[in-house]
Amino acid sequence: MRATVLYRRVFSAAAIGLSGCTASVVFHQFVEDPWVLSRGSGTPITFAVAAAVLFSLLNIGLIAIAAHTADPDTPWREVLWDRESVLLDIVELCLGVTVSIGCGLNLALLVLALPPVVLLQRSLLHAQLQAAARTDAKTGLLNAAAWQREADTEIVRARRTGETLALLIIDIDHFKRVNDAHGHLVGDQVLVGVASTLRGQLRDYDVVGRFGGEEFVVLLPGADADEARSVAERLRIRIGHMAVPADDTLIRVTISAGVALMRVHGDDLIDLLAAADLALYRAKELGRDRVCIPAVQPAPRSLPKDPAP
């Protein structure tokens, strides 16, 4: 399992302890002798299931409050509802019930619970490795390779359905000055702040990633020229208002963005990246802190043929 800071371990243990204690107290208020569960009567089993649900809800709620407090920009929906987390909670709950039943019948039966526990731990580790292979370690966004795979999939789908699509390349202006003046750790905080702003301002199905250094890329499925420019301007304004604390000052940065449109500036990822990069270069030439879209070159006209002699 990936190492983490101590206070997170302490809080997780405290959340589990408080949730388990509350569920146990509530259960024993209604069921005085837990051994009546072995008789298979419906009422005690119903109270046991209700106590298990109460434990899960309390634990999820406490963890969600801590996660939202640590990062207030994260929507409540993301910290409260996630399909993978819900499936994991269900598996853990079922495994806990199995271990409890085995412990009640015979302690020797706990040996049979060991293989499922090991498999669950290995599956969690595999999921973490998969996530680490897809995400950028500093920002939590898709890394360049994963973003290109996702973008290729969206472009193929848009080409098949005929939908519009836009691509943005975003660059933090004068980012080297931030690193030189305040150090790379503060620079990393700026990258995290920009990444968080991008996630907060984009739709769930938009594909956003870190392309390298201080460059970010965004794919906007279904966006036309007006919508793409509007999104890019909104991102530029939001990031321009962002402030990152460092020592006794607040660091503010601006961004420049280049926009490319499918079927206007290209039909594949390479063409769109090249067009957006050209527009980004133009934005920097014009003074940075702006959004540019490359001009579309008109098709060359064919010269009239000389009349036959």
C-alpha atoms as a PDB file:
ATOM      1  CA  MET A   1       0.000   0.000   0.000  1.00  0.00           C
ATOM      2  CA  ARG A   2       1.199   3.485  -0.805  1.00  0.00           C
ATOM      3  CA  ALA A   3       2.770   5.318   2.127  1.00  0.00           C
ATOM      4  CA  THR A   4       0.876   8.325   3.467  1.00  0.00           C
ATOM      5  CA  VAL A   5       1.186  10.871   6.232  1.00  0.00           C
ATOM      6  CA  LEU A   6       0.539   9.790   9.814  1.00  0.00           C
ATOM      7  CA  TYR A   7      -2.467  12.019  10.522  1.00  0.00           C
ATOM      8  CA  ARG A   8      -4.432  10.377   7.689  1.00  0.00           C
ATOM      9  CA  ARG A   9      -3.843   6.957   9.226  1.00  0.00           C
ATOM     10  CA  VAL A  10      -4.923   8.271  12.622  1.00  0.00           C
ATOM     11  CA  PHE A  11      -8.057   9.879  11.221  1.00  0.00           C
ATOM     12  CA  SER A  12      -9.007   6.757   9.250  1.00  0.00           C
ATOM     13  CA  ALA A  13      -8.602   4.595  12.345  1.00  0.00           C
ATOM     14  CA  ALA A  14     -10.621   7.073  14.425  1.00  0.00           C
ATOM     15  CA  ALA A  15     -13.413   7.183  11.806  1.00  0.00           C
ATOM     16  CA  ILE A  16     -13.623   3.370  11.742  1.00  0.00           C
ATOM     17  CA  GLY A  17     -13.578   3.197  15.546  1.00  0.00           C
ATOM     18  CA  LEU A  18     -16.310   5.813  15.996  1.00  0.00           C
ATOM     19  CA  SER A  19     -18.479   4.267  13.297  1.00  0.00           C
ATOM     20  CA  GLY A  20     -18.061   0.746  14.667  1.00  0.00           C
ATOM     21  CA  CYS A  21     -18.708   1.834  18.256  1.00  0.00           C
ATOM     22  CA  THR A  22     -21.876   3.722  17.289  1.00  0.00           C
ATOM     23  CA  ALA A  23     -23.192   0.820  15.220  1.00  0.00           C
ATOM     24  CA  SER A  24     -22.444  -1.613  18.065  1.00  0.00           C
ATOM     25  CA  VAL A  25     -24.211   0.515  20.685  1.00  0.00           C
ATOM     26  CA  VAL A  26     -27.274   0.927  18.467  1.00  0.00           C
ATOM     27  CA  PHE A  27     -27.375  -2.813  17.695  1.00  0.00           C
ATOM     28  CA  HIS A  28     -27.155  -3.829  21.371  1.00  0.00           C
ATOM     29  CA  GLN A  29     -29.913  -1.400  22.241  1.00  0.00           C
ATOM     30  CA  PHE A  30     -32.310  -3.561  20.225  1.00  0.00           C
ATOM     31  CA  VAL A  31     -30.658  -6.995  20.483  1.00  0.00           C
ATOM     32  CA  GLU A  32     -29.554  -7.886  24.004  1.00  0.00           C
ATOM     33  CA  ASP A  33     -28.091 -11.313  23.150  1.00  0.00           C
ATOM     34  CA  PRO A  34     -26.188 -11.414  19.813  1.00  0.00           C
ATOM     35  CA  TRP A  35     -26.297 -15.247  19.853  1.00  0.00           C
ATOM     36  CA  VAL A  36     -29.954 -15.095  18.780  1.00  0.00           C
ATOM     37  CA  LEU A  37     -28.591 -14.398  15.283  1.00  0.00           C
ATOM     38  CA  SER A  38     -27.613 -18.059  15.062  1.00  0.00           C
ATOM     39  CA  ARG A  39     -31.281 -19.033  15.248  1.00  0.00           C
ATOM     40  CA  GLY A  40     -31.961 -17.341  11.914  1.00  0.00           C
ATOM     41  CA  SER A  41     -34.888 -15.218  13.101  1.00  0.00           C
ATOM     42  CA  GLY A  42     -35.690 -12.235  10.909  1.00  0.00           C
ATOM     43  CA  THR A  43     -35.822  -9.409  13.446  1.00  0.00           C
ATOM     44  CA  PRO A  44     -32.263  -9.703  14.860  1.00  0.00           C
ATOM     45  CA  ILE A  45     -30.860 -10.162  11.355  1.00  0.00           C
ATOM     46  CA  THR A  46     -32.670  -6.992  10.246  1.00  0.00           C
ATOM     47  CA  PHE A  47     -31.128  -5.047  13.140  1.00  0.00           C
ATOM     48  CA  ALA A  48     -27.706  -6.461  12.257  1.00  0.00           C
ATOM     49  CA  VAL A  49     -28.044  -5.359   8.629  1.00  0.00           C
ATOM     50  CA  ALA A  50     -29.248  -1.920   9.766  1.00  0.00           C
ATOM     51  CA  ALA A  51     -26.210  -1.635  12.072  1.00  0.00           C
ATOM     52  CA  ALA A  52     -23.897  -2.545   9.177  1.00  0.00           C
ATOM     53  CA  VAL A  53     -25.501   0.129   6.969  1.00  0.00           C
ATOM     54  CA  LEU A  54     -25.194   2.653   9.795  1.00  0.00           C
ATOM     55  CA  PHE A  55     -21.497   1.813  10.157  1.00  0.00           C
ATOM     56  CA  SER A  56     -20.895   2.358   6.421  1.00  0.00           C
ATOM     57  CA  LEU A  57     -22.799   5.644   6.284  1.00  0.00           C
ATOM     58  CA  LEU A  58     -21.007   7.070   9.324  1.00  0.00           C
ATOM     59  CA  ASN A  59     -17.602   6.003   8.073  1.00  0.00           C
ATOM     60  CA  ILE A  60     -18.197   7.425   4.583  1.00  0.00           C
ATOM     61  CA  GLY A  61     -19.567  10.659   6.066  1.00  0.00           C
ATOM     62  CA  LEU A  62     -16.594  11.213   8.366  1.00  0.00           C
ATOM     63  CA  ILE A  63     -14.078  10.517   5.611  1.00  0.00           C
ATOM     64  CA  ALA A  64     -15.987  12.772   3.185  1.00  0.00           C
ATOM     65  CA  ILE A  65     -15.945  15.649   5.685  1.00  0.00           C
ATOM     66  CA  ALA A  66     -12.184  15.256   6.142  1.00  0.00           C
ATOM     67  CA  ALA A  67     -11.560  15.053   2.381  1.00  0.00           C
ATOM     68  CA  HIS A  68     -13.697  18.123   1.658  1.00  0.00           C
ATOM     69  CA  THR A  69     -12.063  20.075   4.486  1.00  0.00           C
ATOM     70  CA  ALA A  70      -8.609  19.258   3.121  1.00  0.00           C
ATOM     71  CA  ASP A  71      -9.628  20.339  -0.403  1.00  0.00           C
ATOM     72  CA  PRO A  72     -12.702  22.633  -0.337  1.00  0.00           C
ATOM     73  CA  ASP A  73     -12.688  22.917  -4.140  1.00  0.00           C
ATOM     74  CA  THR A  74     -13.568  19.236  -4.464  1.00  0.00           C
ATOM     75  CA  PRO A  75     -17.323  18.819  -5.071  1.00  0.00           C
ATOM     76  CA  TRP A  76     -19.254  16.913  -2.420  1.00  0.00           C
ATOM     77  CA  ARG A  77     -20.444  14.473  -5.057  1.00  0.00           C
ATOM     78  CA  GLU A  78     -16.878  13.317  -5.705  1.00  0.00           C
ATOM     79  CA  VAL A  79     -16.099  12.646  -2.047  1.00  0.00           C
ATOM     80  CA  LEU A  80     -19.470  11.073  -1.244  1.00  0.00           C
ATOM     81  CA  TRP A  81     -20.214   9.014  -4.332  1.00  0.00           C
ATOM     82  CA  ASP A  82     -17.758   7.015  -6.387  1.00  0.00           C
ATOM     83  CA  ARG A  83     -18.646   3.698  -7.965  1.00  0.00           C
ATOM     84  CA  GLU A  84     -15.308   2.083  -7.189  1.00  0.00           C
ATOM     85  CA  SER A  85     -15.438   3.200  -3.564  1.00  0.00           C
ATOM     86  CA  VAL A  86     -18.993   1.937  -3.154  1.00  0.00           C
ATOM     87  CA  LEU A  87     -18.069  -1.455  -4.615  1.00  0.00           C
ATOM     88  CA  LEU A  88     -15.060  -1.624  -2.312  1.00  0.00           C
ATOM     89  CA  ASP A  89     -17.235  -0.772   0.703  1.00  0.00           C
ATOM     90  CA  ILE A  90     -19.695  -3.527  -0.239  1.00  0.00           C
ATOM     91  CA  VAL A  91     -16.900  -6.090  -0.623  1.00  0.00           C
ATOM     92  CA  GLU A  92     -15.347  -5.077   2.711  1.00  0.00           C
ATOM     93  CA  LEU A  93     -18.744  -5.229   4.415  1.00  0.00           C
ATOM     94  CA  CYS A  94     -19.482  -8.701   3.073  1.00  0.00           C
ATOM     95  CA  LEU A  95     -16.025  -9.879   4.077  1.00  0.00           C
ATOM     96  CA  GLY A  96     -16.517  -8.440   7.557  1.00  0.00           C
ATOM     97  CA  VAL A  97     -19.826 -10.273   7.916  1.00  0.00           C
ATOM     98  CA  THR A  98     -18.138 -13.513   6.812  1.00  0.00           C
ATOM     99  CA  VAL A  99     -15.320 -13.070   9.336  1.00  0.00           C
ATOM    100  CA  SER A 100     -17.824 -12.255  12.118  1.00  0.00           C
ATOM    101  CA  ILE A 101     -19.898 -15.351  11.395  1.00  0.00           C
ATOM    102  CA  GLY A 102     -16.784 -17.523  11.265  1.00  0.00           C
ATOM    103  CA  CYS A 103     -15.538 -16.074  14.550  1.00  0.00           C
ATOM    104  CA  GLY A 104     -18.910 -16.767  16.177  1.00  0.00           C
ATOM    105  CA  LEU A 105     -19.022 -20.376  15.017  1.00  0.00           C
ATOM    106  CA  ASN A 106     -15.409 -21.399  15.499  1.00  0.00           C
ATOM    107  CA  LEU A 107     -12.179 -19.408  15.676  1.00  0.00           C
ATOM    108  CA  ALA A 108     -10.479 -22.033  13.518  1.00  0.00           C
ATOM    109  CA  LEU A 109     -12.724 -20.985  10.624  1.00  0.00           C
ATOM    110  CA  LEU A 110     -10.886 -17.648  10.474  1.00  0.00           C
ATOM    111  CA  VAL A 111      -8.204 -19.475   8.465  1.00  0.00           C
ATOM    112  CA  LEU A 112     -10.734 -19.683   5.622  1.00  0.00           C
ATOM    113  CA  ALA A 113     -11.124 -15.891   5.658  1.00  0.00           C
ATOM    114  CA  LEU A 114      -7.410 -15.330   5.036  1.00  0.00           C
ATOM    115  CA  PRO A 115      -7.403 -16.021   1.240  1.00  0.00           C
ATOM    116  CA  PRO A 116     -10.231 -13.500   0.487  1.00  0.00           C
ATOM    117  CA  VAL A 117      -8.460 -10.872   2.587  1.00  0.00           C
ATOM    118  CA  VAL A 118      -5.197 -11.421   0.691  1.00  0.00           C
ATOM    119  CA  LEU A 119      -7.002 -11.263  -2.661  1.00  0.00           C
ATOM    120  CA  LEU A 120      -8.756  -8.026  -1.658  1.00  0.00           C
ATOM    121  CA  GLN A 121      -5.450  -6.462  -0.649  1.00  0.00           C
ATOM    122  CA  ARG A 122      -3.828  -7.519  -3.925  1.00  0.00           C
ATOM    123  CA  SER A 123      -6.742  -6.126  -5.936  1.00  0.00           C
ATOM    124  CA  LEU A 124      -6.409  -2.793  -4.116  1.00  0.00           C
ATOM    125  CA  LEU A 125      -2.693  -2.722  -4.840  1.00  0.00           C
ATOM    126  CA  HIS A 126      -3.339  -3.531  -8.512  1.00  0.00           C
ATOM    127  CA  ALA A 127      -5.851  -0.675  -8.729  1.00  0.00           C
ATOM    128  CA  GLN A 128      -3.320   1.710  -7.172  1.00  0.00           C
ATOM    129  CA  LEU A 129      -0.650   0.660  -9.669  1.00  0.00           C
ATOM    130  CA  GLN A 130      -3.081   1.158 -12.548  1.00  0.00           C
ATOM    131  CA  ALA A 131      -3.978   4.625 -11.287  1.00  0.00           C
ATOM    132  CA  ALA A 132      -0.299   5.507 -10.805  1.00  0.00           C
ATOM    133  CA  ALA A 133       0.449   4.476 -14.389  1.00  0.00           C
ATOM    134  CA  ARG A 134      -2.291   6.813 -15.691  1.00  0.00           C
ATOM    135  CA  THR A 135      -1.944   9.886 -13.522  1.00  0.00           C
ATOM    136  CA  ASP A 136       0.644  12.597 -13.076  1.00  0.00           C
ATOM    137  CA  ALA A 137       2.188  12.356  -9.618  1.00  0.00           C
ATOM    138  CA  LYS A 138       2.222  16.106  -8.923  1.00  0.00           C
ATOM    139  CA  THR A 139      -1.195  17.202 -10.175  1.00  0.00           C
ATOM    140  CA  GLY A 140      -3.324  14.050 -10.168  1.00  0.00           C
ATOM    141  CA  LEU A 141      -4.353  14.704 -13.778  1.00  0.00           C
ATOM    142  CA  LEU A 142      -3.827  12.246 -16.605  1.00  0.00           C
ATOM    143  CA  ASN A 143      -0.208  11.995 -17.662  1.00  0.00           C
ATOM    144  CA  ALA A 144       0.778  12.619 -21.265  1.00  0.00           C
ATOM    145  CA  ALA A 145       0.582   8.984 -22.407  1.00  0.00           C
ATOM    146  CA  ALA A 146      -2.795   8.318 -20.759  1.00  0.00           C
ATOM    147  CA  TRP A 147      -4.207  11.604 -22.053  1.00  0.00           C
ATOM    148  CA  GLN A 148      -3.169  10.776 -25.625  1.00  0.00           C
ATOM    149  CA  ARG A 149      -4.913   7.397 -25.412  1.00  0.00           C
ATOM    150  CA  GLU A 150      -8.098   8.999 -24.082  1.00  0.00           C
ATOM    151  CA  ALA A 151      -7.909  11.775 -26.676  1.00  0.00           C
ATOM    152  CA  ASP A 152      -7.417   9.316 -29.546  1.00  0.00           C
ATOM    153  CA  THR A 153     -10.524   7.433 -28.424  1.00  0.00           C
ATOM    154  CA  GLU A 154     -12.611  10.615 -28.337  1.00  0.00           C
ATOM    155  CA  ILE A 155     -11.345  11.748 -31.742  1.00  0.00           C
ATOM    156  CA  VAL A 156     -12.200   8.409 -33.325  1.00  0.00           C
ATOM    157  CA  ARG A 157     -15.683   8.607 -31.808  1.00  0.00           C
ATOM    158  CA  ALA A 158     -16.195  12.194 -33.009  1.00  0.00           C
ATOM    159  CA  ARG A 159     -14.996  11.262 -36.484  1.00  0.00           C
ATOM    160  CA  ARG A 160     -17.494   8.399 -36.589  1.00  0.00           C
ATOM    161  CA  THR A 161     -20.475  10.368 -35.247  1.00  0.00           C
ATOM    162  CA  GLY A 162     -19.693  13.684 -36.928  1.00  0.00           C
ATOM    163  CA  GLU A 163     -19.723  15.627 -33.641  1.00  0.00           C
ATOM    164  CA  THR A 164     -17.596  18.696 -33.024  1.00  0.00           C
ATOM    165  CA  LEU A 165     -14.506  18.621 -30.828  1.00  0.00           C
ATOM    166  CA  ALA A 166     -11.947  21.140 -29.611  1.00  0.00           C
ATOM    167  CA  LEU A 167      -8.457  20.886 -28.156  1.00  0.00           C
ATOM    168  CA  LEU A 168      -6.742  23.375 -25.834  1.00  0.00           C
ATOM    169  CA  ILE A 169      -3.071  23.688 -24.975  1.00  0.00           C
ATOM    170  CA  ILE A 170      -2.567  25.780 -21.837  1.00  0.00           C
ATOM    171  CA  ASP A 171       0.778  27.157 -20.689  1.00  0.00           C
ATOM    172  CA  ILE A 172       1.526  28.956 -17.401  1.00  0.00           C
ATOM    173  CA  ASP A 173       3.122  32.301 -18.229  1.00  0.00           C
ATOM    174  CA  HIS A 174       6.637  32.888 -16.888  1.00  0.00           C
ATOM    175  CA  PHE A 175       6.520  29.779 -14.723  1.00  0.00           C
ATOM    176  CA  LYS A 176      10.313  29.667 -14.559  1.00  0.00           C
ATOM    177  CA  ARG A 177      10.259  32.953 -12.671  1.00  0.00           C
ATOM    178  CA  VAL A 178       8.119  31.342  -9.968  1.00  0.00           C
ATOM    179  CA  ASN A 179      10.595  28.489  -9.548  1.00  0.00           C
ATOM    180  CA  ASP A 180      13.580  30.854  -9.546  1.00  0.00           C
ATOM    181  CA  ALA A 181      12.041  33.282  -7.050  1.00  0.00           C
ATOM    182  CA  HIS A 182      10.276  30.909  -4.659  1.00  0.00           C
ATOM    183  CA  GLY A 183      11.696  27.434  -5.266  1.00  0.00           C
ATOM    184  CA  HIS A 184      10.403  24.313  -6.946  1.00  0.00           C
ATOM    185  CA  LEU A 185       8.200  23.289  -4.010  1.00  0.00           C
ATOM    186  CA  VAL A 186       6.172  26.468  -4.388  1.00  0.00           C
ATOM    187  CA  GLY A 187       6.169  25.882  -8.134  1.00  0.00           C
ATOM    188  CA  ASP A 188       4.641  22.469  -7.519  1.00  0.00           C
ATOM    189  CA  GLN A 189       1.918  24.124  -5.417  1.00  0.00           C
ATOM    190  CA  VAL A 190       1.141  26.411  -8.341  1.00  0.00           C
ATOM    191  CA  LEU A 191       0.860  23.391 -10.645  1.00  0.00           C
ATOM    192  CA  VAL A 192      -1.509  21.722  -8.186  1.00  0.00           C
ATOM    193  CA  GLY A 193      -3.600  24.886  -7.940  1.00  0.00           C
ATOM    194  CA  VAL A 194      -3.870  25.218 -11.717  1.00  0.00           C
ATOM    195  CA  ALA A 195      -4.779  21.535 -12.052  1.00  0.00           C
ATOM    196  CA  SER A 196      -7.470  21.877  -9.374  1.00  0.00           C
ATOM    197  CA  THR A 197      -8.930  24.916 -11.117  1.00  0.00           C
ATOM    198  CA  LEU A 198      -9.004  23.081 -14.434  1.00  0.00           C
ATOM    199  CA  ARG A 199     -10.856  20.119 -12.893  1.00  0.00           C
ATOM    200  CA  GLY A 200     -13.320  22.414 -11.163  1.00  0.00           C
ATOM    201  CA  GLN A 201     -14.186  24.369 -14.312  1.00  0.00           C
ATOM    202  CA  LEU A 202     -14.482  21.490 -16.787  1.00  0.00           C
ATOM    203  CA  ARG A 203     -17.172  18.891 -17.378  1.00  0.00           C
ATOM    204  CA  ASP A 204     -16.827  15.345 -16.109  1.00  0.00           C
ATOM    205  CA  TYR A 205     -16.319  13.949 -19.609  1.00  0.00           C
ATOM    206  CA  ASP A 206     -13.745  16.538 -20.715  1.00  0.00           C
ATOM    207  CA  VAL A 207     -10.281  14.994 -20.988  1.00  0.00           C
ATOM    208  CA  VAL A 208      -7.671  17.038 -19.103  1.00  0.00           C
ATOM    209  CA  GLY A 209      -4.044  16.141 -18.534  1.00  0.00           C
ATOM    210  CA  ARG A 210      -0.593  17.488 -17.851  1.00  0.00           C
ATOM    211  CA  PHE A 211       1.469  17.474 -21.013  1.00  0.00           C
ATOM    212  CA  GLY A 212       4.768  18.184 -19.335  1.00  0.00           C
ATOM    213  CA  GLY A 213       6.436  21.004 -17.425  1.00  0.00           C
ATOM    214  CA  GLU A 214       3.931  23.844 -17.097  1.00  0.00           C
ATOM    215  CA  GLU A 215       1.772  22.776 -20.070  1.00  0.00           C
ATOM    216  CA  PHE A 216      -1.701  21.280 -19.786  1.00  0.00           C
ATOM    217  CA  VAL A 217      -3.973  19.863 -22.480  1.00  0.00           C
ATOM    218  CA  VAL A 218      -7.762  19.727 -22.556  1.00  0.00           C
ATOM    219  CA  LEU A 219     -10.031  17.913 -25.000  1.00  0.00           C
ATOM    220  CA  LEU A 220     -13.598  19.251 -25.217  1.00  0.00           C
ATOM    221  CA  PRO A 221     -15.951  16.730 -26.861  1.00  0.00           C
ATOM    222  CA  GLY A 222     -18.924  18.335 -28.567  1.00  0.00           C
ATOM    223  CA  ALA A 223     -17.496  21.873 -28.363  1.00  0.00           C
ATOM    224  CA  ASP A 224     -17.620  24.271 -31.328  1.00  0.00           C
ATOM    225  CA  ALA A 225     -15.479  27.381 -31.849  1.00  0.00           C
ATOM    226  CA  ASP A 226     -17.567  29.685 -29.643  1.00  0.00           C
ATOM    227  CA  GLU A 227     -17.827  27.200 -26.787  1.00  0.00           C
ATOM    228  CA  ALA A 228     -14.126  26.331 -26.942  1.00  0.00           C
ATOM    229  CA  ARG A 229     -13.123  29.990 -26.805  1.00  0.00           C
ATOM    230  CA  SER A 230     -15.600  30.609 -23.973  1.00  0.00           C
ATOM    231  CA  VAL A 231     -14.192  27.704 -21.945  1.00  0.00           C
ATOM    232  CA  ALA A 232     -10.607  28.813 -22.565  1.00  0.00           C
ATOM    233  CA  GLU A 233     -11.412  32.393 -21.507  1.00  0.00           C
ATOM    234  CA  ARG A 234     -13.170  31.167 -18.366  1.00  0.00           C
ATOM    235  CA  LEU A 235     -10.132  29.069 -17.450  1.00  0.00           C
ATOM    236  CA  ARG A 236      -7.835  32.010 -18.109  1.00  0.00           C
ATOM    237  CA  ILE A 237      -9.869  34.313 -15.849  1.00  0.00           C
ATOM    238  CA  ARG A 238     -10.254  31.749 -13.048  1.00  0.00           C
ATOM    239  CA  ILE A 239      -6.564  30.905 -12.974  1.00  0.00           C
ATOM    240  CA  GLY A 240      -5.713  34.609 -13.115  1.00  0.00           C
ATOM    241  CA  HIS A 241      -7.716  35.103  -9.905  1.00  0.00           C
ATOM    242  CA  MET A 242      -6.058  32.133  -8.190  1.00  0.00           C
ATOM    243  CA  ALA A 243      -3.608  32.921  -5.371  1.00  0.00           C
ATOM    244  CA  VAL A 244      -1.077  30.462  -3.953  1.00  0.00           C
ATOM    245  CA  PRO A 245       0.376  31.366  -0.516  1.00  0.00           C
ATOM    246  CA  ALA A 246       4.166  31.307  -0.278  1.00  0.00           C
ATOM    247  CA  ASP A 247       6.097  32.632   2.720  1.00  0.00           C
ATOM    248  CA  ASP A 248       4.653  36.117   3.343  1.00  0.00           C
ATOM    249  CA  THR A 249       3.183  36.676  -0.098  1.00  0.00           C
ATOM    250  CA  LEU A 250       0.573  35.379  -2.511  1.00  0.00           C
ATOM    251  CA  ILE A 251       1.667  34.118  -5.914  1.00  0.00           C
ATOM    252  CA  ARG A 252      -0.572  34.838  -8.881  1.00  0.00           C
ATOM    253  CA  VAL A 253      -0.038  33.488 -12.358  1.00  0.00           C
ATOM    254  CA  THR A 254      -1.624  33.877 -15.760  1.00  0.00           C
ATOM    255  CA  ILE A 255      -1.982  31.441 -18.627  1.00  0.00           C
ATOM    256  CA  SER A 256      -1.886  31.528 -22.385  1.00  0.00           C
ATOM    257  CA  ALA A 257      -4.006  29.104 -24.388  1.00  0.00           C
ATOM    258  CA  GLY A 258      -4.144  27.858 -27.952  1.00  0.00           C
ATOM    259  CA  VAL A 259      -7.352  26.398 -29.386  1.00  0.00           C
ATOM    260  CA  ALA A 260      -7.761  23.973 -32.296  1.00  0.00           C
ATOM    261  CA  LEU A 261     -10.997  22.638 -33.776  1.00  0.00           C
ATOM    262  CA  MET A 262     -11.558  19.279 -35.372  1.00  0.00           C
ATOM    263  CA  ARG A 263     -12.308  19.361 -39.122  1.00  0.00           C
ATOM    264  CA  VAL A 264     -11.196  23.007 -39.141  1.00  0.00           C
ATOM    265  CA  HIS A 265      -7.567  22.668 -38.154  1.00  0.00           C
ATOM    266  CA  GLY A 266      -7.134  18.907 -38.547  1.00  0.00           C
ATOM    267  CA  ASP A 267      -8.754  15.498 -38.351  1.00  0.00           C
ATOM    268  CA  ASP A 268      -6.334  13.655 -36.073  1.00  0.00           C
ATOM    269  CA  LEU A 269      -4.574  14.272 -32.785  1.00  0.00           C
ATOM    270  CA  ILE A 270      -1.227  15.243 -34.309  1.00  0.00           C
ATOM    271  CA  ASP A 271      -2.778  17.932 -36.519  1.00  0.00           C
ATOM    272  CA  LEU A 272      -4.868  19.326 -33.667  1.00  0.00           C
ATOM    273  CA  LEU A 273      -1.883  19.471 -31.312  1.00  0.00           C
ATOM    274  CA  ALA A 274       0.218  21.196 -33.959  1.00  0.00           C
ATOM    275  CA  ALA A 275      -2.518  23.774 -34.647  1.00  0.00           C
ATOM    276  CA  ALA A 276      -3.148  24.447 -30.955  1.00  0.00           C
ATOM    277  CA  ASP A 277       0.588  24.766 -30.310  1.00  0.00           C
ATOM    278  CA  LEU A 278       0.847  27.276 -33.149  1.00  0.00           C
ATOM    279  CA  ALA A 279      -1.993  29.277 -31.621  1.00  0.00           C
ATOM    280  CA  LEU A 280      -0.306  29.114 -28.196  1.00  0.00           C
ATOM    281  CA  TYR A 281       2.908  30.458 -29.700  1.00  0.00           C
ATOM    282  CA  ARG A 282       0.905  33.298 -31.240  1.00  0.00           C
ATOM    283  CA  ALA A 283      -0.673  34.100 -27.853  1.00  0.00           C
ATOM    284  CA  LYS A 284       2.778  34.384 -26.310  1.00  0.00           C
ATOM    285  CA  GLU A 285       3.947  36.644 -29.121  1.00  0.00           C
ATOM    286  CA  LEU A 286       0.999  38.980 -28.521  1.00  0.00           C
ATOM    287  CA  GLY A 287       1.911  39.451 -24.863  1.00  0.00           C
ATOM    288  CA  ARG A 288       0.646  36.298 -23.081  1.00  0.00           C
ATOM    289  CA  ASP A 289      -2.426  36.053 -20.810  1.00  0.00           C
ATOM    290  CA  ARG A 290      -4.724  35.518 -23.792  1.00  0.00           C
ATOM    291  CA  VAL A 291      -6.457  32.902 -25.923  1.00  0.00           C
ATOM    292  CA  CYS A 292      -5.732  32.450 -29.626  1.00  0.00           C
ATOM    293  CA  ILE A 293      -7.230  30.310 -32.396  1.00  0.00           C
ATOM    294  CA  PRO A 294      -5.136  29.696 -35.517  1.00  0.00           C
ATOM    295  CA  ALA A 295      -6.403  31.204 -38.733  1.00  0.00           C
ATOM    296  CA  VAL A 296      -7.654  28.748 -41.305  1.00  0.00           C
ATOM    297  CA  GLN A 297      -5.661  28.904 -44.488  1.00  0.00           C
ATOM    298  CA  PRO A 298      -7.925  29.098 -47.546  1.00  0.00           C
ATOM    299  CA  ALA A 299      -7.617  26.314 -50.055  1.00  0.00           C
ATOM    300  CA  PRO A 300      -5.376  27.278 -52.982  1.00  0.00           C
ATOM    301  CA  ARG A 301      -7.263  28.243 -56.113  1.00  0.00           C
ATOM    302  CA  SER A 302      -6.577  26.379 -59.291  1.00  0.00           C
ATOM    303  CA  LEU A 303      -5.138  28.529 -62.060  1.00  0.00           C
ATOM    304  CA  PRO A 304      -7.205  28.824 -65.225  1.00  0.00           C
ATOM    305  CA  LYS A 305      -5.937  26.673 -67.975  1.00  0.00           C
ATOM    306  CA  ASP A 306      -4.574  28.255 -71.126  1.00  0.00           C
ATOM    307  CA  PRO A 307      -6.966  27.897 -74.027  1.00  0.00           C
ATOM    308  CA  ALA A 308      -5.977  25.249 -76.463  1.00  0.00           C
ATOM    309  CA  PRO A 309      -4.292  26.640 -79.558  1.00  0.00           C
END
